[in-house]
Each structure stands twice: as C-alpha cells, then as structure tokens.
N, C-alpha and C. Protein backbone atom coordinates (compact mmCIF):
# COMPACT_ATOMS: atom_id res chain seq x y z
N UNK A 1 98.19 92.10 88.72
CA UNK A 1 98.31 92.04 90.15
C UNK A 1 97.85 93.37 90.75
N UNK A 2 96.75 93.36 91.45
CA UNK A 2 96.23 94.58 92.07
C UNK A 2 96.96 94.88 93.36
N UNK A 3 97.28 96.14 93.55
CA UNK A 3 97.95 96.61 94.75
C UNK A 3 97.12 97.74 95.34
N UNK A 4 97.11 97.84 96.64
CA UNK A 4 96.39 98.92 97.30
C UNK A 4 97.26 100.18 97.24
N UNK A 5 96.66 101.28 96.80
CA UNK A 5 97.36 102.56 96.74
C UNK A 5 96.70 103.53 97.71
N UNK A 6 97.54 104.37 98.32
CA UNK A 6 97.09 105.29 99.36
C UNK A 6 97.55 106.70 98.97
N UNK A 7 96.68 107.68 99.20
CA UNK A 7 96.99 109.07 98.89
C UNK A 7 97.25 109.84 100.18
N UNK A 8 98.36 110.52 100.24
CA UNK A 8 98.72 111.33 101.40
C UNK A 8 97.88 112.60 101.42
N UNK A 9 97.40 112.98 102.59
CA UNK A 9 96.62 114.22 102.71
C UNK A 9 97.51 115.44 102.89
N UNK A 10 98.74 115.24 103.33
CA UNK A 10 99.67 116.35 103.51
C UNK A 10 100.28 116.72 102.17
N UNK A 11 100.23 117.99 101.81
CA UNK A 11 100.74 118.44 100.52
C UNK A 11 102.25 118.63 100.57
N UNK A 12 102.87 118.41 99.41
CA UNK A 12 104.31 118.66 99.29
C UNK A 12 104.53 120.16 99.11
N UNK A 13 105.78 120.56 98.96
CA UNK A 13 106.10 121.97 98.77
C UNK A 13 105.50 122.52 97.48
N UNK A 14 105.30 121.64 96.49
CA UNK A 14 104.72 122.07 95.20
C UNK A 14 103.20 121.98 95.20
N UNK A 15 102.60 121.63 96.33
CA UNK A 15 101.15 121.56 96.41
C UNK A 15 100.57 120.26 95.90
N UNK A 16 101.38 119.22 95.81
CA UNK A 16 100.91 117.92 95.35
C UNK A 16 100.91 116.93 96.50
N UNK A 17 100.11 115.90 96.35
CA UNK A 17 100.05 114.84 97.34
C UNK A 17 100.63 113.57 96.74
N UNK A 18 101.34 112.80 97.55
CA UNK A 18 102.00 111.60 97.05
C UNK A 18 101.08 110.38 97.10
N UNK A 19 101.19 109.55 96.06
CA UNK A 19 100.51 108.26 96.01
C UNK A 19 101.51 107.21 96.43
N UNK A 20 101.15 106.40 97.44
CA UNK A 20 102.02 105.36 97.98
C UNK A 20 101.38 103.99 97.77
N UNK A 21 102.22 102.98 97.64
CA UNK A 21 101.75 101.60 97.71
C UNK A 21 101.55 101.25 99.17
N UNK A 22 100.64 100.32 99.45
CA UNK A 22 100.45 99.86 100.83
C UNK A 22 101.75 99.23 101.31
N UNK A 23 102.18 99.61 102.50
CA UNK A 23 103.41 99.08 103.07
C UNK A 23 104.63 99.94 102.81
N UNK A 24 104.48 101.05 102.13
CA UNK A 24 105.60 101.95 101.88
C UNK A 24 106.06 102.57 103.20
N UNK A 25 107.36 102.58 103.48
CA UNK A 25 107.82 103.17 104.74
C UNK A 25 107.62 104.68 104.81
N UNK A 26 107.43 105.35 103.68
CA UNK A 26 107.20 106.80 103.69
C UNK A 26 105.72 107.16 103.77
N UNK A 27 104.86 106.15 103.79
CA UNK A 27 103.42 106.40 103.85
C UNK A 27 103.06 107.01 105.21
N UNK A 28 102.22 108.03 105.22
CA UNK A 28 101.84 108.67 106.49
C UNK A 28 100.93 107.76 107.32
N UNK A 29 100.75 108.09 108.61
CA UNK A 29 99.86 107.30 109.46
C UNK A 29 98.41 107.36 108.97
N UNK A 30 97.57 106.48 109.51
CA UNK A 30 96.20 106.34 109.01
C UNK A 30 95.38 107.63 109.01
N UNK A 31 95.55 108.49 109.95
CA UNK A 31 94.77 109.71 110.01
C UNK A 31 95.14 110.74 108.96
N UNK A 32 96.28 110.56 108.30
CA UNK A 32 96.78 111.54 107.35
C UNK A 32 96.80 111.03 105.91
N UNK A 33 96.00 110.01 105.61
CA UNK A 33 95.98 109.48 104.25
C UNK A 33 94.59 108.96 103.90
N UNK A 34 94.36 108.79 102.61
CA UNK A 34 93.08 108.31 102.09
C UNK A 34 93.35 107.11 101.19
N UNK A 35 92.69 105.98 101.40
CA UNK A 35 92.89 104.84 100.49
C UNK A 35 92.22 105.13 99.14
N UNK A 36 92.98 104.92 98.06
CA UNK A 36 92.42 105.14 96.71
C UNK A 36 91.75 103.89 96.17
N UNK A 37 92.27 102.73 96.53
CA UNK A 37 91.70 101.47 96.06
C UNK A 37 92.76 100.55 95.50
N UNK A 38 92.30 99.50 94.80
CA UNK A 38 93.18 98.51 94.19
C UNK A 38 93.41 98.87 92.72
N UNK A 39 94.67 98.97 92.32
CA UNK A 39 95.01 99.31 90.94
C UNK A 39 96.18 98.47 90.47
N UNK A 40 96.35 98.38 89.15
CA UNK A 40 97.45 97.61 88.57
C UNK A 40 98.75 98.41 88.50
N UNK A 41 98.67 99.74 88.47
CA UNK A 41 99.87 100.56 88.36
C UNK A 41 99.67 101.87 89.10
N UNK A 42 100.77 102.54 89.44
CA UNK A 42 100.64 103.86 90.08
C UNK A 42 99.96 104.88 89.16
N UNK A 43 100.10 104.71 87.85
CA UNK A 43 99.46 105.63 86.91
C UNK A 43 97.94 105.59 87.03
N UNK A 44 97.38 104.39 87.18
CA UNK A 44 95.93 104.27 87.34
C UNK A 44 95.48 104.91 88.66
N UNK A 45 96.27 104.72 89.71
CA UNK A 45 95.93 105.31 91.01
C UNK A 45 95.99 106.83 90.92
N UNK A 46 96.97 107.36 90.20
CA UNK A 46 97.08 108.81 90.05
C UNK A 46 95.93 109.37 89.24
N UNK A 47 95.49 108.64 88.20
CA UNK A 47 94.33 109.09 87.43
C UNK A 47 93.10 109.16 88.32
N UNK A 48 92.93 108.16 89.19
CA UNK A 48 91.81 108.17 90.12
C UNK A 48 91.91 109.36 91.07
N UNK A 49 93.13 109.69 91.52
CA UNK A 49 93.32 110.85 92.38
C UNK A 49 92.97 112.15 91.67
N UNK A 50 93.30 112.24 90.37
CA UNK A 50 92.93 113.43 89.59
C UNK A 50 91.42 113.55 89.48
N UNK A 51 90.74 112.42 89.28
CA UNK A 51 89.29 112.43 89.17
C UNK A 51 88.66 112.92 90.48
N UNK A 52 89.26 112.56 91.59
CA UNK A 52 88.73 112.98 92.90
C UNK A 52 89.09 114.42 93.25
N UNK A 53 89.86 115.09 92.39
CA UNK A 53 90.17 116.50 92.60
C UNK A 53 91.50 116.80 93.25
N UNK A 54 92.35 115.80 93.42
CA UNK A 54 93.67 116.01 93.99
C UNK A 54 94.69 116.14 92.87
N UNK A 55 95.90 116.60 93.21
CA UNK A 55 97.00 116.66 92.26
C UNK A 55 98.08 115.69 92.74
N UNK A 56 97.90 114.40 92.46
CA UNK A 56 98.84 113.41 93.01
C UNK A 56 100.15 113.33 92.26
N UNK A 57 101.14 112.84 92.96
CA UNK A 57 102.46 112.60 92.40
C UNK A 57 102.93 111.26 92.95
N UNK A 58 103.62 110.46 92.13
CA UNK A 58 104.08 109.15 92.55
C UNK A 58 105.17 109.27 93.60
N UNK A 59 105.12 108.43 94.60
CA UNK A 59 106.13 108.42 95.67
C UNK A 59 107.50 108.07 95.09
N UNK A 60 108.53 108.83 95.42
CA UNK A 60 109.86 108.54 94.87
C UNK A 60 110.46 107.25 95.41
N UNK A 61 109.94 106.71 96.51
CA UNK A 61 110.50 105.49 97.08
C UNK A 61 109.80 104.24 96.53
N UNK A 62 108.49 104.14 96.72
CA UNK A 62 107.80 102.90 96.34
C UNK A 62 107.37 102.88 94.88
N UNK A 63 107.33 104.01 94.20
CA UNK A 63 106.91 104.07 92.80
C UNK A 63 108.06 104.56 91.91
N UNK A 64 109.29 104.25 92.29
CA UNK A 64 110.45 104.77 91.55
C UNK A 64 110.52 104.23 90.13
N UNK A 65 110.14 102.98 89.91
CA UNK A 65 110.13 102.41 88.55
C UNK A 65 109.16 103.15 87.65
N UNK A 66 107.98 103.47 88.17
CA UNK A 66 106.98 104.20 87.40
C UNK A 66 107.49 105.60 87.08
N UNK A 67 108.09 106.28 88.08
CA UNK A 67 108.62 107.63 87.85
C UNK A 67 109.72 107.63 86.79
N UNK A 68 110.57 106.61 86.83
CA UNK A 68 111.66 106.51 85.85
C UNK A 68 111.10 106.33 84.44
N UNK A 69 110.11 105.45 84.29
CA UNK A 69 109.50 105.24 82.96
C UNK A 69 108.82 106.50 82.45
N UNK A 70 108.12 107.21 83.33
CA UNK A 70 107.45 108.44 82.93
C UNK A 70 108.46 109.52 82.52
N UNK A 71 109.54 109.64 83.27
CA UNK A 71 110.58 110.62 82.91
C UNK A 71 111.22 110.29 81.57
N UNK A 72 111.49 109.00 81.31
CA UNK A 72 112.06 108.60 80.03
C UNK A 72 111.09 108.88 78.89
N UNK A 73 109.80 108.61 79.12
CA UNK A 73 108.80 108.86 78.08
C UNK A 73 108.70 110.36 77.80
N UNK A 74 108.72 111.18 78.84
CA UNK A 74 108.66 112.63 78.65
C UNK A 74 109.88 113.15 77.90
N UNK A 75 111.05 112.61 78.22
CA UNK A 75 112.27 113.04 77.52
C UNK A 75 112.22 112.64 76.04
N UNK A 76 111.74 111.42 75.74
CA UNK A 76 111.62 111.01 74.34
C UNK A 76 110.67 111.93 73.58
N UNK A 77 109.57 112.32 74.22
CA UNK A 77 108.63 113.22 73.57
C UNK A 77 109.28 114.57 73.28
N UNK A 78 110.10 115.07 74.21
CA UNK A 78 110.77 116.35 73.99
C UNK A 78 111.79 116.26 72.86
N UNK A 79 112.54 115.17 72.82
CA UNK A 79 113.62 115.04 71.84
C UNK A 79 113.07 114.77 70.44
N UNK A 80 112.05 113.93 70.34
CA UNK A 80 111.57 113.51 69.03
C UNK A 80 110.34 114.26 68.54
N UNK A 81 109.88 115.26 69.28
CA UNK A 81 108.73 116.03 68.81
C UNK A 81 109.16 116.98 67.70
N UNK A 82 108.22 117.30 66.82
CA UNK A 82 108.53 118.19 65.71
C UNK A 82 108.60 119.63 66.21
N UNK A 83 109.53 120.38 65.68
CA UNK A 83 109.67 121.78 66.04
C UNK A 83 108.56 122.58 65.35
N UNK A 84 108.03 123.56 66.04
CA UNK A 84 106.95 124.38 65.48
C UNK A 84 107.27 125.85 65.70
N UNK A 85 106.71 126.67 64.84
CA UNK A 85 106.79 128.12 65.01
C UNK A 85 108.19 128.67 64.94
N UNK A 86 108.57 129.44 65.94
CA UNK A 86 109.86 130.14 65.92
C UNK A 86 111.03 129.17 66.04
N UNK A 87 110.79 127.93 66.47
CA UNK A 87 111.87 126.96 66.56
C UNK A 87 112.41 126.57 65.19
N UNK A 88 111.61 126.77 64.15
CA UNK A 88 112.02 126.41 62.80
C UNK A 88 112.92 127.46 62.16
N UNK A 89 112.95 128.66 62.70
CA UNK A 89 113.77 129.72 62.14
C UNK A 89 115.22 129.48 62.55
N UNK A 90 116.07 129.34 61.56
CA UNK A 90 117.48 129.08 61.84
C UNK A 90 118.20 130.38 62.10
N UNK A 91 119.08 130.38 63.05
CA UNK A 91 119.84 131.57 63.40
C UNK A 91 121.03 131.69 62.46
N UNK A 92 121.17 132.84 61.82
CA UNK A 92 122.30 133.10 60.94
C UNK A 92 123.15 134.20 61.57
N UNK A 93 124.40 133.91 61.85
CA UNK A 93 125.24 134.94 62.47
C UNK A 93 125.48 136.10 61.51
N UNK A 94 125.61 137.30 62.05
CA UNK A 94 125.82 138.49 61.24
C UNK A 94 127.30 138.77 61.03
N UNK A 95 128.18 138.03 61.63
CA UNK A 95 129.62 138.24 61.49
C UNK A 95 130.16 137.17 60.54
N UNK A 96 130.89 137.64 59.53
CA UNK A 96 131.52 136.70 58.58
C UNK A 96 132.97 136.51 58.99
N UNK A 97 133.34 135.26 59.22
CA UNK A 97 134.72 134.94 59.61
C UNK A 97 135.33 134.12 58.49
N UNK A 98 136.30 134.70 57.76
CA UNK A 98 136.92 133.94 56.67
C UNK A 98 137.79 132.82 57.25
N UNK A 99 137.83 131.73 56.53
CA UNK A 99 138.61 130.56 56.97
C UNK A 99 139.56 130.18 55.85
N UNK A 100 140.79 129.86 56.19
CA UNK A 100 141.78 129.43 55.21
C UNK A 100 142.14 127.98 55.50
N UNK A 101 142.24 127.21 54.44
CA UNK A 101 142.64 125.81 54.57
C UNK A 101 144.05 125.64 54.00
N UNK A 102 144.92 125.04 54.75
CA UNK A 102 146.29 124.84 54.30
C UNK A 102 146.50 123.36 54.07
N UNK A 103 146.97 123.01 52.86
CA UNK A 103 147.22 121.60 52.54
C UNK A 103 148.68 121.30 52.61
C-alpha cells in the first residue's frame, strides 16, 4: 500500500527534518514542506530524503510504529553485538576481601 510522504522544510533543534504521512496533523502547511512521493514505509521515504541531501527523521506522531521498530532493532544490535577491543578486558579489583561461610 503506497502512501504519500512529505518532508518538512523547517529543521528541528537537532538539524533534522521530519518525514510525515499525508494527512498528519503535525505536517506543516504547503509552503513549508516538500512532497517526497509514494512509498511503502517511512524508511523508504527517509532513504529518498537522504539521497536528496536532507537528514530526515520519522515523525513521532504519524510514524510512531516505524520509530518503535527501529528503536527495538537498534537496542537488539547493542545488546547482542560482540564486544571488541577494550570491552573484552575484564576488570579485576585490587582489593581482596576475605569471605567466611558459616554452616
């Protein structure tokens, strides 16, 4: 199902522009946005925005499902990625604390 996606010309505080679905209540008026075209997902629309030289970000209102999936995917990559370099060095404390077990 193709949906029309629109890119906001006004930058956010981080210097990114939001990608909105057509009909989003947060979408700016016609003079302040650029139509990206018909796409199947917000990810495809954002890739097109990158190709055109913008730094798009998915709208938190109309693309919330896409943002949630991307955040979950990024978290899985962080958790299940292999440790490299200094992360492999285990920290050994320099203080020895004797422990007694009482039965």
